[in-house]
């Protein structure tokens, strides 16, 4: 069964709902949307909604791997779709490939 994609209106509402009080959380959320919004499913949106119900500091602790979902008192967060979205949000940004030549080894212009 093909997962149901999130519609444009639902995506817009979800983005609005995901605005946070801590800049650090906003950065994680922004990166998540820039990578995954085109393929976001309704199931993943539900997982993201559950994460957004958390207090800012609890969310940041999760995103920075200082806590795990089972550490939280909130039971509605310990669901497969929440784990899936949290893993996507924690994923490190793609490394930019820097030149392997040190500046002092570069030829002069």
N, C-alpha and C. Protein backbone atom coordinates (compact mmCIF):
# COMPACT_ATOMS: atom_id res chain seq x y z
N UNK A 1 0.83 -1.17 0.00
CA UNK A 1 0.00 0.00 0.00
C UNK A 1 0.88 1.25 0.00
N UNK A 2 0.63 2.17 -0.91
CA UNK A 2 1.39 3.39 -1.04
C UNK A 2 1.00 4.36 0.07
N UNK A 3 1.99 4.89 0.81
CA UNK A 3 1.64 5.83 1.88
C UNK A 3 1.02 7.11 1.31
N UNK A 4 0.06 7.63 2.02
CA UNK A 4 -0.64 8.83 1.57
C UNK A 4 0.22 10.06 1.82
N UNK A 5 0.46 10.81 0.74
CA UNK A 5 1.25 12.03 0.83
C UNK A 5 0.41 13.15 1.43
N UNK A 6 1.08 14.05 2.08
CA UNK A 6 0.42 15.20 2.68
C UNK A 6 0.11 16.22 1.60
N UNK A 7 -1.11 16.75 1.61
CA UNK A 7 -1.50 17.76 0.64
C UNK A 7 -0.88 19.11 0.94
N UNK A 8 -0.95 20.02 -0.02
CA UNK A 8 -0.34 21.34 0.14
C UNK A 8 -0.93 22.11 1.32
N UNK A 9 -2.24 22.06 1.47
CA UNK A 9 -2.89 22.77 2.58
C UNK A 9 -2.49 22.17 3.93
N UNK A 10 -2.49 20.84 4.01
CA UNK A 10 -2.10 20.19 5.26
C UNK A 10 -0.64 20.48 5.59
N UNK A 11 0.21 20.50 4.56
CA UNK A 11 1.63 20.80 4.77
C UNK A 11 1.80 22.22 5.31
N UNK A 12 1.06 23.15 4.73
CA UNK A 12 1.12 24.55 5.19
C UNK A 12 0.71 24.67 6.66
N UNK A 13 -0.38 23.99 7.03
CA UNK A 13 -0.83 24.02 8.42
C UNK A 13 0.19 23.39 9.35
N UNK A 14 0.80 22.28 8.90
CA UNK A 14 1.80 21.60 9.72
C UNK A 14 3.02 22.49 9.93
N UNK A 15 3.47 23.15 8.88
CA UNK A 15 4.61 24.06 9.03
C UNK A 15 4.31 25.16 10.04
N UNK A 16 3.10 25.70 9.97
CA UNK A 16 2.72 26.75 10.93
C UNK A 16 2.73 26.19 12.35
N UNK A 17 2.21 24.98 12.51
CA UNK A 17 2.14 24.33 13.83
C UNK A 17 3.52 24.05 14.39
N UNK A 18 4.50 23.88 13.52
CA UNK A 18 5.84 23.49 13.94
C UNK A 18 6.73 24.66 14.35
N UNK A 19 6.21 25.87 14.31
CA UNK A 19 7.00 27.01 14.75
C UNK A 19 7.25 26.88 16.25
N UNK A 20 8.50 27.09 16.65
CA UNK A 20 8.88 26.85 18.03
C UNK A 20 9.39 28.11 18.70
N UNK A 21 9.51 28.05 20.02
CA UNK A 21 10.00 29.19 20.78
C UNK A 21 11.51 29.24 20.87
N UNK A 22 12.18 28.13 20.64
CA UNK A 22 13.64 28.09 20.68
C UNK A 22 14.19 28.04 19.26
N UNK A 23 15.12 28.90 18.96
CA UNK A 23 15.73 28.94 17.64
C UNK A 23 16.34 27.59 17.27
N UNK A 24 16.95 26.93 18.22
CA UNK A 24 17.59 25.64 17.94
C UNK A 24 16.57 24.63 17.41
N UNK A 25 15.39 24.59 18.01
CA UNK A 25 14.34 23.69 17.52
C UNK A 25 13.90 24.10 16.12
N UNK A 26 13.73 25.40 15.91
CA UNK A 26 13.34 25.88 14.58
C UNK A 26 14.33 25.46 13.51
N UNK A 27 15.60 25.45 13.84
CA UNK A 27 16.62 25.05 12.87
C UNK A 27 16.47 23.57 12.49
N UNK A 28 16.21 22.73 13.48
CA UNK A 28 15.98 21.31 13.20
C UNK A 28 14.73 21.14 12.33
N UNK A 29 13.66 21.84 12.68
CA UNK A 29 12.40 21.74 11.94
C UNK A 29 12.58 22.24 10.51
N UNK A 30 13.26 23.35 10.35
CA UNK A 30 13.49 23.91 9.01
C UNK A 30 14.27 22.94 8.14
N UNK A 31 15.32 22.35 8.71
CA UNK A 31 16.12 21.37 7.97
C UNK A 31 15.27 20.15 7.60
N UNK A 32 14.44 19.71 8.54
CA UNK A 32 13.56 18.57 8.27
C UNK A 32 12.66 18.86 7.07
N UNK A 33 12.00 20.01 7.08
CA UNK A 33 11.11 20.34 5.98
C UNK A 33 11.86 20.52 4.66
N UNK A 34 13.02 21.12 4.70
CA UNK A 34 13.76 21.32 3.45
C UNK A 34 14.16 19.99 2.83
N UNK A 35 14.36 18.98 3.63
CA UNK A 35 14.74 17.65 3.12
C UNK A 35 13.56 16.75 2.78
N UNK A 36 12.47 16.85 3.55
CA UNK A 36 11.44 15.82 3.47
C UNK A 36 10.04 16.29 3.09
N UNK A 37 9.81 17.58 2.93
CA UNK A 37 8.44 18.04 2.74
C UNK A 37 7.79 17.49 1.47
N UNK A 38 8.56 17.25 0.43
CA UNK A 38 8.00 16.75 -0.83
C UNK A 38 7.43 15.33 -0.68
N UNK A 39 8.01 14.55 0.21
CA UNK A 39 7.61 13.16 0.37
C UNK A 39 6.92 12.88 1.70
N UNK A 40 6.59 13.90 2.44
CA UNK A 40 6.01 13.73 3.77
C UNK A 40 4.65 13.04 3.71
N UNK A 41 4.50 12.00 4.49
CA UNK A 41 3.24 11.24 4.52
C UNK A 41 2.37 11.70 5.69
N UNK A 42 1.12 11.33 5.63
CA UNK A 42 0.21 11.67 6.73
C UNK A 42 0.65 10.99 8.03
N UNK A 43 1.21 9.81 7.92
CA UNK A 43 1.71 9.09 9.09
C UNK A 43 2.87 9.86 9.73
N UNK A 44 3.80 10.33 8.91
CA UNK A 44 4.93 11.10 9.42
C UNK A 44 4.45 12.43 10.00
N UNK A 45 3.45 13.02 9.37
CA UNK A 45 2.89 14.28 9.88
C UNK A 45 2.32 14.07 11.27
N UNK A 46 1.67 12.93 11.50
CA UNK A 46 1.14 12.62 12.83
C UNK A 46 2.27 12.49 13.84
N UNK A 47 3.37 11.86 13.44
CA UNK A 47 4.53 11.75 14.32
C UNK A 47 5.13 13.10 14.65
N UNK A 48 5.19 13.96 13.64
CA UNK A 48 5.72 15.31 13.85
C UNK A 48 4.80 16.11 14.77
N UNK A 49 3.50 15.97 14.59
CA UNK A 49 2.53 16.66 15.47
C UNK A 49 2.76 16.25 16.93
N UNK A 50 2.97 14.96 17.16
CA UNK A 50 3.19 14.48 18.52
C UNK A 50 4.45 15.11 19.11
N UNK A 51 5.51 15.22 18.31
CA UNK A 51 6.73 15.86 18.80
C UNK A 51 6.49 17.34 19.11
N UNK A 52 5.66 17.99 18.31
CA UNK A 52 5.41 19.41 18.52
C UNK A 52 4.56 19.68 19.75
N UNK A 53 3.92 18.65 20.28
CA UNK A 53 3.15 18.79 21.52
C UNK A 53 4.06 18.86 22.75
N UNK A 54 5.33 18.53 22.57
CA UNK A 54 6.27 18.55 23.69
C UNK A 54 6.70 19.97 24.02
N UNK A 55 7.16 20.14 25.24
CA UNK A 55 7.76 21.42 25.64
C UNK A 55 9.04 21.62 24.83
N UNK A 56 9.39 22.88 24.60
CA UNK A 56 10.58 23.19 23.79
C UNK A 56 11.84 22.51 24.29
N UNK A 57 12.06 22.53 25.59
CA UNK A 57 13.30 21.96 26.13
C UNK A 57 13.31 20.43 26.01
N UNK A 58 12.17 19.78 26.17
CA UNK A 58 12.11 18.33 25.96
C UNK A 58 12.39 17.99 24.50
N UNK A 59 11.82 18.77 23.59
CA UNK A 59 12.05 18.53 22.17
C UNK A 59 13.53 18.70 21.84
N UNK A 60 14.14 19.76 22.33
CA UNK A 60 15.55 19.98 22.06
C UNK A 60 16.41 18.86 22.63
N UNK A 61 16.09 18.39 23.83
CA UNK A 61 16.83 17.27 24.42
C UNK A 61 16.73 16.03 23.53
N UNK A 62 15.57 15.79 22.95
CA UNK A 62 15.41 14.65 22.04
C UNK A 62 16.24 14.85 20.78
N UNK A 63 16.15 16.02 20.19
CA UNK A 63 16.84 16.29 18.94
C UNK A 63 18.36 16.21 19.10
N UNK A 64 18.85 16.60 20.26
CA UNK A 64 20.29 16.57 20.53
C UNK A 64 20.73 15.24 21.14
N UNK A 65 19.83 14.29 21.23
CA UNK A 65 20.11 12.94 21.75
C UNK A 65 20.51 12.96 23.23
N UNK A 66 20.05 13.97 23.95
CA UNK A 66 20.30 14.00 25.39
C UNK A 66 19.25 13.18 26.14
N UNK A 67 18.12 12.94 25.47
CA UNK A 67 17.05 12.09 26.00
C UNK A 67 16.53 11.23 24.86
N UNK A 68 15.83 10.18 25.24
CA UNK A 68 15.14 9.32 24.28
C UNK A 68 13.65 9.39 24.57
N UNK A 69 12.85 8.95 23.62
CA UNK A 69 11.40 9.03 23.78
C UNK A 69 10.91 8.29 25.01
N UNK A 70 11.52 7.16 25.34
CA UNK A 70 11.08 6.40 26.52
C UNK A 70 11.40 7.12 27.82
N UNK A 71 12.28 8.14 27.76
CA UNK A 71 12.60 8.92 28.96
C UNK A 71 11.50 9.92 29.32
N UNK A 72 10.63 10.22 28.37
CA UNK A 72 9.58 11.22 28.59
C UNK A 72 8.37 10.59 29.26
N UNK A 73 7.69 11.36 30.05
CA UNK A 73 6.48 10.89 30.72
C UNK A 73 5.34 10.76 29.73
N UNK A 74 5.34 11.59 28.69
CA UNK A 74 4.28 11.65 27.70
C UNK A 74 4.24 10.38 26.85
N UNK A 75 3.27 9.51 27.11
CA UNK A 75 3.19 8.21 26.44
C UNK A 75 2.81 8.31 24.97
N UNK A 76 2.12 9.36 24.56
CA UNK A 76 1.69 9.44 23.17
C UNK A 76 2.86 9.68 22.22
N UNK A 77 4.05 9.90 22.77
CA UNK A 77 5.23 10.10 21.93
C UNK A 77 5.97 8.80 21.62
N UNK A 78 5.74 7.77 22.38
CA UNK A 78 6.46 6.51 22.17
C UNK A 78 5.72 5.64 21.16
N UNK A 79 5.61 6.17 19.93
CA UNK A 79 4.91 5.50 18.84
C UNK A 79 5.85 5.35 17.66
N UNK A 80 5.63 4.34 16.81
CA UNK A 80 6.54 4.13 15.66
C UNK A 80 6.69 5.35 14.75
N UNK A 81 5.60 6.05 14.48
CA UNK A 81 5.70 7.21 13.58
C UNK A 81 6.50 8.35 14.21
N UNK A 82 6.45 8.45 15.54
CA UNK A 82 7.23 9.48 16.24
C UNK A 82 8.71 9.11 16.18
N UNK A 83 9.03 7.85 16.40
CA UNK A 83 10.42 7.38 16.32
C UNK A 83 10.97 7.63 14.91
N UNK A 84 10.16 7.37 13.90
CA UNK A 84 10.58 7.56 12.51
C UNK A 84 10.93 9.02 12.24
N UNK A 85 10.04 9.92 12.62
CA UNK A 85 10.27 11.34 12.37
C UNK A 85 11.45 11.86 13.19
N UNK A 86 11.56 11.42 14.42
CA UNK A 86 12.68 11.84 15.25
C UNK A 86 14.01 11.42 14.62
N UNK A 87 14.07 10.22 14.08
CA UNK A 87 15.30 9.76 13.41
C UNK A 87 15.61 10.63 12.20
N UNK A 88 14.59 11.02 11.45
CA UNK A 88 14.80 11.90 10.29
C UNK A 88 15.28 13.28 10.74
N UNK A 89 14.73 13.78 11.83
CA UNK A 89 15.11 15.10 12.32
C UNK A 89 16.52 15.10 12.91
N UNK A 90 16.93 13.97 13.48
CA UNK A 90 18.26 13.89 14.08
C UNK A 90 19.36 13.68 13.04
N UNK A 91 19.00 13.23 11.86
CA UNK A 91 19.98 12.90 10.84
C UNK A 91 20.89 14.09 10.58
N UNK A 92 22.18 13.82 10.58
CA UNK A 92 23.15 14.88 10.36
C UNK A 92 23.03 15.41 8.94
N UNK A 93 23.30 16.69 8.76
CA UNK A 93 23.26 17.25 7.41
C UNK A 93 24.33 16.61 6.54
N UNK A 94 24.05 16.56 5.26
CA UNK A 94 25.02 15.99 4.33
C UNK A 94 26.31 16.79 4.41
N UNK A 95 27.39 16.08 4.47
CA UNK A 95 28.68 16.76 4.57
C UNK A 95 29.01 17.42 3.23
N UNK A 96 29.46 18.63 3.33
CA UNK A 96 29.91 19.32 2.13
C UNK A 96 31.32 18.83 1.84
N UNK A 97 31.55 18.47 0.61
CA UNK A 97 32.86 17.95 0.24
C UNK A 97 33.84 19.09 0.06
N UNK A 98 34.72 19.21 1.01
CA UNK A 98 35.75 20.23 0.94
C UNK A 98 36.92 19.69 0.12
N UNK A 99 37.68 20.56 -0.48
CA UNK A 99 38.83 20.09 -1.22
C UNK A 99 39.80 19.36 -0.29
N UNK A 100 40.42 18.33 -0.81
CA UNK A 100 41.34 17.55 0.00
C UNK A 100 42.73 18.18 0.05
N UNK A 101 42.93 19.25 -0.71
CA UNK A 101 44.21 19.93 -0.74
C UNK A 101 44.21 21.02 0.31
N UNK A 102 45.23 21.04 1.13
CA UNK A 102 45.35 22.09 2.13
C UNK A 102 45.67 23.41 1.44
N UNK A 103 45.24 24.54 2.03
CA UNK A 103 45.47 25.84 1.38
C UNK A 103 46.93 26.09 1.01
N UNK A 104 47.86 25.67 1.85
CA UNK A 104 49.27 25.93 1.57
C UNK A 104 49.79 25.08 0.41
N UNK A 105 49.04 24.04 0.01
CA UNK A 105 49.47 23.18 -1.10
C UNK A 105 48.84 23.57 -2.42
N UNK A 106 47.92 24.53 -2.41
CA UNK A 106 47.28 24.95 -3.65
C UNK A 106 48.27 25.71 -4.53
N UNK A 107 48.17 25.49 -5.82
CA UNK A 107 49.07 26.24 -6.72
C UNK A 107 48.73 27.71 -6.72
N UNK A 108 49.70 28.54 -6.92
CA UNK A 108 49.49 29.97 -6.99
C UNK A 108 48.81 30.31 -8.31
N UNK A 109 47.98 31.37 -8.32
CA UNK A 109 47.28 31.76 -9.56
C UNK A 109 48.22 32.33 -10.59
